[in-house]
Amino acid sequence: MIVILSGPGGCKAPNGGLTPRGLLKFSFGPSPRELAEQAFESPDPDVQREAITRLCAHSWGRAEPYLKGYAAIVTAEIRKQGDQRHPTLICAAVRALGRGGDATYLPHVLVALKDVSAEVRWDAAAALDNMIGEKAVVALRSSALSDTSVDVRSACCRALRHYRRQDVINTLIRCLGDDEFAVRYQAHATLRELAGRDFGPDGADWAGVRLDKLPVGTEKKKAWWNPINWFR
């Protein structure tokens, strides 16, 4: 015997059970059309946020025309003031743009990187690790050095790994002097990735390092099975 549970409103049969459409919705969630309506037309920001998260879980939800919709939400929400703002909705839309990875929307994420909400700024920095474009370099360098949130500074140091430039190297060397270990750790990791070698964890160790004097390549990893390397 199949037991049919009562489902979302509008999907119930006259006897209180689920219609075939309601059963499908109960089993698989809202349809793409319903998700789009919830994400871009609902007056409830929590409904929008959940729908955006569901949409961008699908490859088609990380492409057009959805990306344009996420960008519009970021623009509209960031302009709001006080209690009218919904930071978690901005975060969801920024994450969706980041997962899409389309550099066309870099300007929207860069605006979010300067938002008053540290949560929004962190999601923007994380998104920039998947949205590559030279326009992001100046903003990432600035935030890596000056943002008030340790998490944002650390995320910016990570996102800078996509830009093998001397000004980026210089910024990361300065980040090695950050008061927070998380920032110093990520700056060091990014420096190793960009330089292809490790000069040490302190800024003084990297003083004078120039990319044009280094070969392009990845850092050679020490063999874990060789006891000689255990104490190096």
Protein backbone atom coordinates (compact mmCIF):
# COMPACT_ATOMS: atom_id res chain seq x y z
CA MET A 1 0.00 0.00 0.00
CA ILE A 2 1.31 3.49 -0.92
CA VAL A 3 0.74 6.17 1.68
CA ILE A 4 0.35 9.64 0.16
CA LEU A 5 1.36 12.41 2.52
CA SER A 6 -0.27 15.82 2.42
CA GLY A 7 1.94 18.23 0.54
CA PRO A 8 2.33 21.91 -0.29
CA GLY A 9 -0.79 24.01 -0.70
CA GLY A 10 -2.27 23.97 -4.18
CA CYS A 11 -1.14 20.39 -4.77
CA LYS A 12 -3.78 18.57 -2.73
CA ALA A 13 -6.45 16.36 -4.18
CA PRO A 14 -10.07 16.73 -2.93
CA ASN A 15 -9.55 13.78 -0.56
CA GLY A 16 -6.62 15.54 1.13
CA GLY A 17 -3.88 13.56 -0.60
CA LEU A 18 -1.51 14.75 -3.33
CA THR A 19 -2.30 15.15 -6.99
CA PRO A 20 0.22 13.61 -9.43
CA ARG A 21 1.78 17.06 -9.82
CA GLY A 22 1.87 17.48 -6.07
CA LEU A 23 3.51 14.08 -5.64
CA LEU A 24 6.24 15.03 -8.11
CA LYS A 25 6.79 18.33 -6.32
CA PHE A 26 6.93 16.59 -2.97
CA SER A 27 9.49 14.11 -4.31
CA PHE A 28 11.68 16.37 -6.44
CA GLY A 29 10.98 19.90 -5.22
CA PRO A 30 9.74 22.88 -7.24
CA SER A 31 10.04 22.88 -11.02
CA PRO A 32 12.61 25.13 -12.73
CA ARG A 33 9.83 27.55 -13.63
CA GLU A 34 8.60 27.68 -10.04
CA LEU A 35 12.14 28.20 -8.75
CA ALA A 36 12.67 31.06 -11.19
CA GLU A 37 9.44 32.70 -10.09
CA GLN A 38 10.42 32.33 -6.44
CA ALA A 39 13.95 33.65 -7.03
CA PHE A 40 13.08 36.70 -9.09
CA GLU A 41 9.46 37.55 -8.29
CA SER A 42 8.80 36.56 -4.67
CA PRO A 43 8.40 39.45 -2.19
CA ASP A 44 9.92 37.24 0.53
CA PRO A 45 13.74 37.50 0.59
CA ASP A 46 14.04 34.15 2.39
CA VAL A 47 12.07 32.45 -0.38
CA GLN A 48 14.28 34.18 -2.96
CA ARG A 49 17.46 33.11 -1.19
CA GLU A 50 16.40 29.46 -0.99
CA ALA A 51 15.29 29.43 -4.63
CA ILE A 52 18.60 30.95 -5.80
CA THR A 53 20.52 28.32 -3.86
CA ARG A 54 18.47 25.58 -5.52
CA LEU A 55 18.79 27.10 -8.97
CA CYS A 56 22.56 27.42 -8.96
CA ALA A 57 22.90 23.82 -7.83
CA HIS A 58 22.10 22.95 -11.48
CA SER A 59 24.41 23.69 -14.40
CA TRP A 60 21.59 25.42 -16.28
CA GLY A 61 21.01 27.60 -13.21
CA ARG A 62 24.57 28.89 -13.50
CA ALA A 63 24.07 30.23 -17.03
CA GLU A 64 21.94 32.83 -18.76
CA PRO A 65 19.34 34.15 -18.27
CA TYR A 66 19.69 33.28 -14.59
CA LEU A 67 23.06 35.02 -14.17
CA LYS A 68 21.53 38.27 -15.34
CA GLY A 69 18.80 37.82 -12.73
CA TYR A 70 21.29 37.22 -9.91
CA ALA A 71 23.23 40.33 -10.94
CA ALA A 72 20.03 42.40 -10.89
CA ILE A 73 19.31 41.21 -7.35
CA VAL A 74 22.81 42.17 -6.20
CA THR A 75 22.45 45.65 -7.69
CA ALA A 76 18.98 46.25 -6.25
CA GLU A 77 19.74 44.93 -2.76
CA ILE A 78 23.06 46.72 -2.31
CA ARG A 79 21.37 50.05 -3.02
CA LYS A 80 18.91 49.57 -0.17
CA GLN A 81 19.43 51.13 3.22
CA GLY A 82 18.89 50.03 6.82
CA ASP A 83 16.23 47.41 7.51
CA GLN A 84 15.33 47.24 3.83
CA ARG A 85 18.62 45.49 3.13
CA HIS A 86 18.77 41.70 3.07
CA PRO A 87 22.46 40.68 3.29
CA THR A 88 21.76 36.95 3.14
CA LEU A 89 19.93 37.44 -0.17
CA ILE A 90 22.88 39.42 -1.55
CA CYS A 91 25.18 36.61 -0.40
CA ALA A 92 23.10 33.99 -2.21
CA ALA A 93 23.10 35.99 -5.44
CA VAL A 94 26.84 36.70 -5.22
CA ARG A 95 27.57 33.00 -4.59
CA ALA A 96 25.46 32.12 -7.63
CA LEU A 97 27.43 34.55 -9.80
CA GLY A 98 30.65 33.09 -8.45
CA ARG A 99 29.58 29.57 -9.30
CA GLY A 100 28.69 30.75 -12.79
CA GLY A 101 32.21 32.09 -13.21
CA ASP A 102 31.25 34.55 -15.95
CA ALA A 103 33.63 37.53 -15.78
CA THR A 104 30.94 39.67 -17.39
CA TYR A 105 29.52 40.09 -13.90
CA LEU A 106 32.79 40.99 -12.21
CA PRO A 107 31.60 44.59 -11.60
CA HIS A 108 28.65 43.35 -9.55
CA VAL A 109 30.85 41.17 -7.36
CA LEU A 110 33.45 43.91 -6.96
CA VAL A 111 30.73 46.23 -5.64
CA ALA A 112 29.76 43.50 -3.16
CA LEU A 113 33.41 43.28 -2.07
CA LYS A 114 33.02 46.81 -0.66
CA ASP A 115 29.65 46.20 1.01
CA VAL A 116 29.07 47.24 4.62
CA SER A 117 28.31 43.63 5.54
CA ALA A 118 31.38 41.48 6.24
CA GLU A 119 29.33 38.42 5.30
CA VAL A 120 28.63 39.86 1.85
CA ARG A 121 32.28 40.87 1.41
CA TRP A 122 33.44 37.35 2.28
CA ASP A 123 31.10 35.77 -0.27
CA ALA A 124 32.31 38.27 -2.86
CA ALA A 125 35.96 37.44 -2.16
CA ALA A 126 35.16 33.72 -2.39
CA ALA A 127 33.30 34.27 -5.67
CA LEU A 128 36.31 36.09 -7.11
CA ASP A 129 38.30 32.88 -6.73
CA ASN A 130 36.16 31.52 -9.57
CA MET A 131 35.61 34.73 -11.57
CA ILE A 132 38.92 35.58 -13.18
CA GLY A 133 39.56 39.01 -14.64
CA GLU A 134 42.28 41.62 -14.42
CA LYS A 135 39.71 44.16 -13.22
CA ALA A 136 39.58 42.30 -9.92
CA VAL A 137 43.28 42.63 -9.06
CA VAL A 138 43.30 46.14 -7.59
CA ALA A 139 40.22 45.50 -5.44
CA LEU A 140 41.55 42.17 -4.19
CA ARG A 141 44.92 43.65 -3.31
CA SER A 142 43.29 46.51 -1.43
CA SER A 143 40.92 44.28 0.53
CA ALA A 144 43.65 41.75 1.31
CA LEU A 145 45.53 44.52 3.07
CA SER A 146 42.82 46.68 4.60
CA ASP A 147 39.52 44.85 5.11
CA THR A 148 38.46 44.76 8.75
CA SER A 149 37.46 41.08 8.52
CA VAL A 150 40.19 38.46 8.83
CA ASP A 151 38.08 36.04 6.79
CA VAL A 152 37.74 38.53 3.94
CA ARG A 153 41.47 39.32 3.94
CA SER A 154 42.27 35.62 3.87
CA ALA A 155 39.80 34.91 1.04
CA CYS A 156 41.28 37.77 -0.98
CA CYS A 157 44.77 36.33 -0.54
CA ARG A 158 43.49 33.04 -1.93
CA ALA A 159 41.73 34.65 -4.91
CA LEU A 160 44.95 36.44 -5.86
CA ARG A 161 46.48 33.06 -6.77
CA HIS A 162 45.10 33.50 -10.30
CA TYR A 163 47.27 36.55 -11.02
CA ARG A 164 50.98 35.92 -11.47
CA ARG A 165 52.04 39.55 -11.29
CA GLN A 166 54.75 41.38 -9.37
CA ASP A 167 52.30 43.79 -7.73
CA VAL A 168 50.33 40.80 -6.45
CA ILE A 169 53.51 39.22 -5.09
CA ASN A 170 54.36 42.47 -3.31
CA THR A 171 50.89 42.65 -1.76
CA LEU A 172 51.06 39.08 -0.53
CA ILE A 173 54.50 39.71 1.00
CA ARG A 174 52.94 42.55 2.98
CA CYS A 175 50.14 40.20 4.05
CA LEU A 176 52.77 37.94 5.61
CA GLY A 177 52.97 40.61 8.29
CA ASP A 178 49.25 40.50 9.08
CA ASP A 179 48.29 40.20 12.76
CA GLU A 180 46.10 37.16 12.04
CA PHE A 181 47.60 33.71 11.39
CA ALA A 182 44.84 32.77 8.91
CA VAL A 183 45.82 35.66 6.64
CA ARG A 184 49.55 34.95 6.92
CA TYR A 185 48.96 31.26 6.20
CA GLN A 186 46.90 31.92 3.06
CA ALA A 187 49.26 34.61 1.82
CA HIS A 188 52.17 32.19 2.20
CA ALA A 189 50.27 29.43 0.39
CA THR A 190 49.45 31.75 -2.50
CA LEU A 191 53.02 33.00 -2.72
CA ARG A 192 54.28 29.42 -2.98
CA GLU A 193 51.77 28.71 -5.73
CA LEU A 194 52.66 31.82 -7.74
CA ALA A 195 56.41 31.59 -7.28
CA GLY A 196 56.65 27.84 -7.75
CA ARG A 197 58.89 27.59 -4.68
CA ASP A 198 58.93 28.43 -1.00
CA PHE A 199 61.23 31.10 0.40
CA GLY A 200 59.78 30.86 3.91
CA PRO A 201 56.86 32.13 6.02
CA ASP A 202 58.22 35.59 6.82
CA GLY A 203 58.05 38.69 4.63
CA ALA A 204 61.80 39.19 5.02
CA ASP A 205 62.34 35.80 3.38
CA TRP A 206 60.59 37.06 0.25
CA ALA A 207 62.20 40.49 0.10
CA GLY A 208 63.53 41.19 -3.37
CA VAL A 209 61.82 38.17 -4.97
CA ARG A 210 60.94 38.98 -8.57
CA LEU A 211 58.74 36.87 -10.79
CA ASP A 212 60.70 37.70 -13.92
CA LYS A 213 63.68 35.95 -12.32
CA LEU A 214 61.74 32.81 -11.43
CA PRO A 215 60.85 29.93 -13.75
CA VAL A 216 57.17 29.32 -14.38
CA GLY A 217 56.10 26.13 -12.64
CA THR A 218 54.67 24.62 -9.51
CA GLU A 219 56.40 24.06 -6.24
CA LYS A 220 58.17 20.74 -5.99
CA LYS A 221 56.67 18.67 -3.19
CA LYS A 222 58.92 16.74 -0.86
CA ALA A 223 58.46 12.98 -0.85
CA TRP A 224 56.48 12.11 2.25
CA TRP A 225 58.01 8.64 2.42
CA ASN A 226 61.58 9.94 2.74
CA PRO A 227 62.48 10.35 6.46
CA ILE A 228 65.05 12.99 5.51
CA ASN A 229 62.19 15.34 4.60
CA TRP A 230 60.27 14.85 7.85
CA PHE A 231 62.39 17.40 9.70
CA ARG A 232 62.85 19.94 6.93
